[in-house]
Amino acid sequence: MDAAKLREDVQQASRSIQDNLAEGIGRAQEKMEATLRRTADQTQGMFATMNEEFGSLVRESPIIALGGAFAVGYLIAKLARAFK
């Protein structure tokens, strides 16, 4: 077998591997982007639902909501002082 032919075959195989690798990476990036978009949409929907539920709770029971906010703030302050 001729050395030039062997060199050409190796270069062609190398280009083929690089092309296939680039194509595979591109497909992986597209799938990751689609997954991230879908996850972001789901998260946004979840937060919108939680916001609506908290809003209705505050409208229905403002005293309980105020007490809950005070209790959460108190706990956060206690934790902040504990980790100072």
N, C-alpha and C. Protein backbone atom coordinates (compact mmCIF):
# COMPACT_ATOMS: atom_id res chain seq x y z
N MET A 1 0.83 -1.17 0.00
CA MET A 1 0.00 0.00 0.00
C MET A 1 0.88 1.24 0.00
N ASP A 2 0.50 2.20 -0.76
CA ASP A 2 1.25 3.43 -0.92
C ASP A 2 1.09 4.32 0.31
N ALA A 3 2.18 4.96 0.75
CA ALA A 3 2.15 5.83 1.93
C ALA A 3 1.25 7.04 1.71
N ALA A 4 1.25 7.59 0.51
CA ALA A 4 0.40 8.75 0.21
C ALA A 4 -1.07 8.38 0.30
N LYS A 5 -1.41 7.20 -0.20
CA LYS A 5 -2.80 6.72 -0.14
C LYS A 5 -3.22 6.49 1.30
N LEU A 6 -2.32 5.92 2.08
CA LEU A 6 -2.60 5.68 3.50
C LEU A 6 -2.82 7.00 4.23
N ARG A 7 -1.97 7.99 3.96
CA ARG A 7 -2.09 9.31 4.57
C ARG A 7 -3.43 9.95 4.19
N GLU A 8 -3.80 9.83 2.95
CA GLU A 8 -5.07 10.39 2.46
C GLU A 8 -6.26 9.71 3.15
N ASP A 9 -6.18 8.39 3.30
CA ASP A 9 -7.25 7.65 3.96
C ASP A 9 -7.38 8.07 5.43
N VAL A 10 -6.25 8.27 6.10
CA VAL A 10 -6.27 8.69 7.50
C VAL A 10 -6.86 10.09 7.62
N GLN A 11 -6.48 10.99 6.73
CA GLN A 11 -7.02 12.35 6.76
C GLN A 11 -8.53 12.35 6.49
N GLN A 12 -8.96 11.53 5.55
CA GLN A 12 -10.38 11.44 5.23
C GLN A 12 -11.15 10.87 6.44
N ALA A 13 -10.62 9.88 7.09
CA ALA A 13 -11.26 9.31 8.28
C ALA A 13 -11.32 10.34 9.40
N SER A 14 -10.24 11.11 9.53
CA SER A 14 -10.20 12.16 10.56
C SER A 14 -11.28 13.21 10.30
N ARG A 15 -11.41 13.63 9.03
CA ARG A 15 -12.45 14.62 8.69
C ARG A 15 -13.84 14.06 8.95
N SER A 16 -14.02 12.80 8.63
CA SER A 16 -15.32 12.15 8.84
C SER A 16 -15.65 12.10 10.34
N ILE A 17 -14.69 11.76 11.16
CA ILE A 17 -14.90 11.72 12.61
C ILE A 17 -15.22 13.11 13.14
N GLN A 18 -14.49 14.13 12.69
CA GLN A 18 -14.74 15.50 13.13
C GLN A 18 -16.14 15.96 12.73
N ASP A 19 -16.55 15.65 11.50
CA ASP A 19 -17.88 16.03 11.05
C ASP A 19 -18.97 15.35 11.87
N ASN A 20 -18.81 14.06 12.11
CA ASN A 20 -19.79 13.33 12.91
C ASN A 20 -19.85 13.83 14.34
N LEU A 21 -18.69 14.14 14.90
CA LEU A 21 -18.63 14.66 16.26
C LEU A 21 -19.31 16.02 16.35
N ALA A 22 -19.05 16.89 15.38
CA ALA A 22 -19.68 18.21 15.37
C ALA A 22 -21.20 18.08 15.23
N GLU A 23 -21.64 17.17 14.41
CA GLU A 23 -23.08 16.95 14.23
C GLU A 23 -23.71 16.43 15.52
N GLY A 24 -23.04 15.51 16.19
CA GLY A 24 -23.55 14.97 17.45
C GLY A 24 -23.62 16.03 18.53
N ILE A 25 -22.59 16.86 18.60
CA ILE A 25 -22.60 17.95 19.59
C ILE A 25 -23.72 18.93 19.29
N GLY A 26 -23.95 19.22 18.03
CA GLY A 26 -25.05 20.12 17.66
C GLY A 26 -26.40 19.56 18.07
N ARG A 27 -26.61 18.27 17.85
CA ARG A 27 -27.88 17.65 18.25
C ARG A 27 -28.04 17.68 19.76
N ALA A 28 -26.96 17.42 20.50
CA ALA A 28 -27.02 17.45 21.96
C ALA A 28 -27.36 18.85 22.47
N GLN A 29 -26.76 19.87 21.85
CA GLN A 29 -27.07 21.24 22.25
C GLN A 29 -28.52 21.59 21.98
N GLU A 30 -29.05 21.16 20.85
CA GLU A 30 -30.45 21.43 20.53
C GLU A 30 -31.38 20.77 21.53
N LYS A 31 -31.07 19.52 21.91
CA LYS A 31 -31.90 18.82 22.89
C LYS A 31 -31.83 19.50 24.25
N MET A 32 -30.63 19.95 24.65
CA MET A 32 -30.49 20.63 25.93
C MET A 32 -31.26 21.94 25.93
N GLU A 33 -31.19 22.69 24.85
CA GLU A 33 -31.93 23.96 24.76
C GLU A 33 -33.43 23.72 24.85
N ALA A 34 -33.92 22.69 24.16
CA ALA A 34 -35.34 22.38 24.20
C ALA A 34 -35.77 21.98 25.61
N THR A 35 -34.93 21.19 26.27
CA THR A 35 -35.25 20.78 27.64
C THR A 35 -35.25 21.97 28.58
N LEU A 36 -34.27 22.86 28.44
CA LEU A 36 -34.22 24.05 29.29
C LEU A 36 -35.41 24.97 29.05
N ARG A 37 -35.81 25.12 27.79
CA ARG A 37 -36.99 25.94 27.49
C ARG A 37 -38.24 25.35 28.13
N ARG A 38 -38.40 24.03 27.99
CA ARG A 38 -39.57 23.36 28.55
C ARG A 38 -39.58 23.49 30.07
N THR A 39 -38.41 23.29 30.70
CA THR A 39 -38.31 23.41 32.16
C THR A 39 -38.60 24.83 32.61
N ALA A 40 -38.09 25.81 31.88
CA ALA A 40 -38.34 27.22 32.23
C ALA A 40 -39.83 27.54 32.12
N ASP A 41 -40.48 27.03 31.09
CA ASP A 41 -41.92 27.27 30.93
C ASP A 41 -42.70 26.63 32.07
N GLN A 42 -42.33 25.41 32.45
CA GLN A 42 -43.01 24.74 33.55
C GLN A 42 -42.80 25.48 34.87
N THR A 43 -41.58 25.94 35.10
CA THR A 43 -41.27 26.67 36.33
C THR A 43 -42.04 27.98 36.37
N GLN A 44 -42.09 28.66 35.25
CA GLN A 44 -42.84 29.92 35.20
C GLN A 44 -44.31 29.68 35.49
N GLY A 45 -44.88 28.62 34.93
CA GLY A 45 -46.27 28.28 35.20
C GLY A 45 -46.50 27.94 36.66
N MET A 46 -45.55 27.23 37.27
CA MET A 46 -45.67 26.87 38.67
C MET A 46 -45.66 28.12 39.56
N PHE A 47 -44.74 29.05 39.26
CA PHE A 47 -44.68 30.28 40.06
C PHE A 47 -45.92 31.14 39.86
N ALA A 48 -46.46 31.17 38.66
CA ALA A 48 -47.69 31.92 38.41
C ALA A 48 -48.84 31.33 39.22
N THR A 49 -48.92 30.01 39.26
CA THR A 49 -49.97 29.36 40.05
C THR A 49 -49.80 29.64 41.54
N MET A 50 -48.57 29.54 42.02
CA MET A 50 -48.32 29.83 43.44
C MET A 50 -48.66 31.28 43.76
N ASN A 51 -48.34 32.19 42.87
CA ASN A 51 -48.64 33.60 43.08
C ASN A 51 -50.15 33.81 43.17
N GLU A 52 -50.89 33.16 42.30
CA GLU A 52 -52.35 33.28 42.35
C GLU A 52 -52.90 32.71 43.65
N GLU A 53 -52.38 31.57 44.09
CA GLU A 53 -52.85 30.95 45.33
C GLU A 53 -52.54 31.83 46.53
N PHE A 54 -51.32 32.37 46.60
CA PHE A 54 -50.97 33.25 47.71
C PHE A 54 -51.82 34.52 47.68
N GLY A 55 -52.06 35.03 46.48
CA GLY A 55 -52.90 36.23 46.35
C GLY A 55 -54.31 35.97 46.86
N SER A 56 -54.87 34.83 46.53
CA SER A 56 -56.22 34.52 47.01
C SER A 56 -56.22 34.30 48.51
N LEU A 57 -55.15 33.69 49.06
CA LEU A 57 -55.06 33.50 50.51
C LEU A 57 -55.02 34.84 51.22
N VAL A 58 -54.24 35.78 50.70
CA VAL A 58 -54.13 37.10 51.32
C VAL A 58 -55.47 37.82 51.25
N ARG A 59 -56.17 37.70 50.12
CA ARG A 59 -57.48 38.36 50.00
C ARG A 59 -58.51 37.74 50.94
N GLU A 60 -58.46 36.42 51.11
CA GLU A 60 -59.44 35.74 51.95
C GLU A 60 -59.12 35.86 53.44
N SER A 61 -57.84 35.81 53.80
CA SER A 61 -57.45 35.84 55.22
C SER A 61 -56.23 36.73 55.41
N PRO A 62 -56.43 38.05 55.39
CA PRO A 62 -55.26 38.93 55.50
C PRO A 62 -54.55 38.84 56.85
N ILE A 63 -55.27 38.58 57.92
CA ILE A 63 -54.65 38.50 59.25
C ILE A 63 -53.73 37.27 59.32
N ILE A 64 -54.20 36.15 58.80
CA ILE A 64 -53.38 34.93 58.80
C ILE A 64 -52.14 35.13 57.93
N ALA A 65 -52.31 35.77 56.78
CA ALA A 65 -51.17 36.03 55.90
C ALA A 65 -50.15 36.94 56.58
N LEU A 66 -50.62 37.96 57.27
CA LEU A 66 -49.72 38.87 57.97
C LEU A 66 -48.98 38.14 59.08
N GLY A 67 -49.70 37.30 59.84
CA GLY A 67 -49.06 36.52 60.90
C GLY A 67 -48.03 35.55 60.33
N GLY A 68 -48.35 34.92 59.21
CA GLY A 68 -47.41 34.01 58.58
C GLY A 68 -46.16 34.73 58.10
N ALA A 69 -46.35 35.91 57.53
CA ALA A 69 -45.20 36.70 57.06
C ALA A 69 -44.32 37.10 58.24
N PHE A 70 -44.95 37.48 59.35
CA PHE A 70 -44.18 37.84 60.55
C PHE A 70 -43.39 36.63 61.06
N ALA A 71 -44.04 35.46 61.10
CA ALA A 71 -43.38 34.25 61.60
C ALA A 71 -42.19 33.86 60.71
N VAL A 72 -42.36 33.93 59.40
CA VAL A 72 -41.27 33.60 58.48
C VAL A 72 -40.12 34.59 58.66
N GLY A 73 -40.42 35.87 58.77
CA GLY A 73 -39.39 36.88 58.99
C GLY A 73 -38.64 36.65 60.29
N TYR A 74 -39.38 36.27 61.33
CA TYR A 74 -38.76 35.99 62.63
C TYR A 74 -37.80 34.81 62.52
N LEU A 75 -38.22 33.74 61.84
CA LEU A 75 -37.36 32.57 61.68
C LEU A 75 -36.11 32.89 60.86
N ILE A 76 -36.27 33.68 59.83
CA ILE A 76 -35.11 34.07 59.01
C ILE A 76 -34.13 34.89 59.83
N ALA A 77 -34.65 35.80 60.66
CA ALA A 77 -33.79 36.61 61.52
C ALA A 77 -33.04 35.73 62.53
N LYS A 78 -33.74 34.76 63.10
CA LYS A 78 -33.08 33.85 64.04
C LYS A 78 -31.97 33.05 63.37
N LEU A 79 -32.25 32.55 62.17
CA LEU A 79 -31.23 31.80 61.44
C LEU A 79 -30.05 32.68 61.07
N ALA A 80 -30.32 33.92 60.69
CA ALA A 80 -29.24 34.84 60.30
C ALA A 80 -28.34 35.11 61.50
N ARG A 81 -28.95 35.27 62.67
CA ARG A 81 -28.14 35.52 63.88
C ARG A 81 -27.35 34.27 64.27
N ALA A 82 -27.91 33.11 64.04
CA ALA A 82 -27.23 31.86 64.42
C ALA A 82 -26.00 31.61 63.56
N PHE A 83 -26.02 32.05 62.31
CA PHE A 83 -24.90 31.80 61.40
C PHE A 83 -23.98 33.00 61.23
N LYS A 84 -24.09 33.97 62.10
CA LYS A 84 -23.25 35.16 62.03
C LYS A 84 -21.81 34.86 62.26
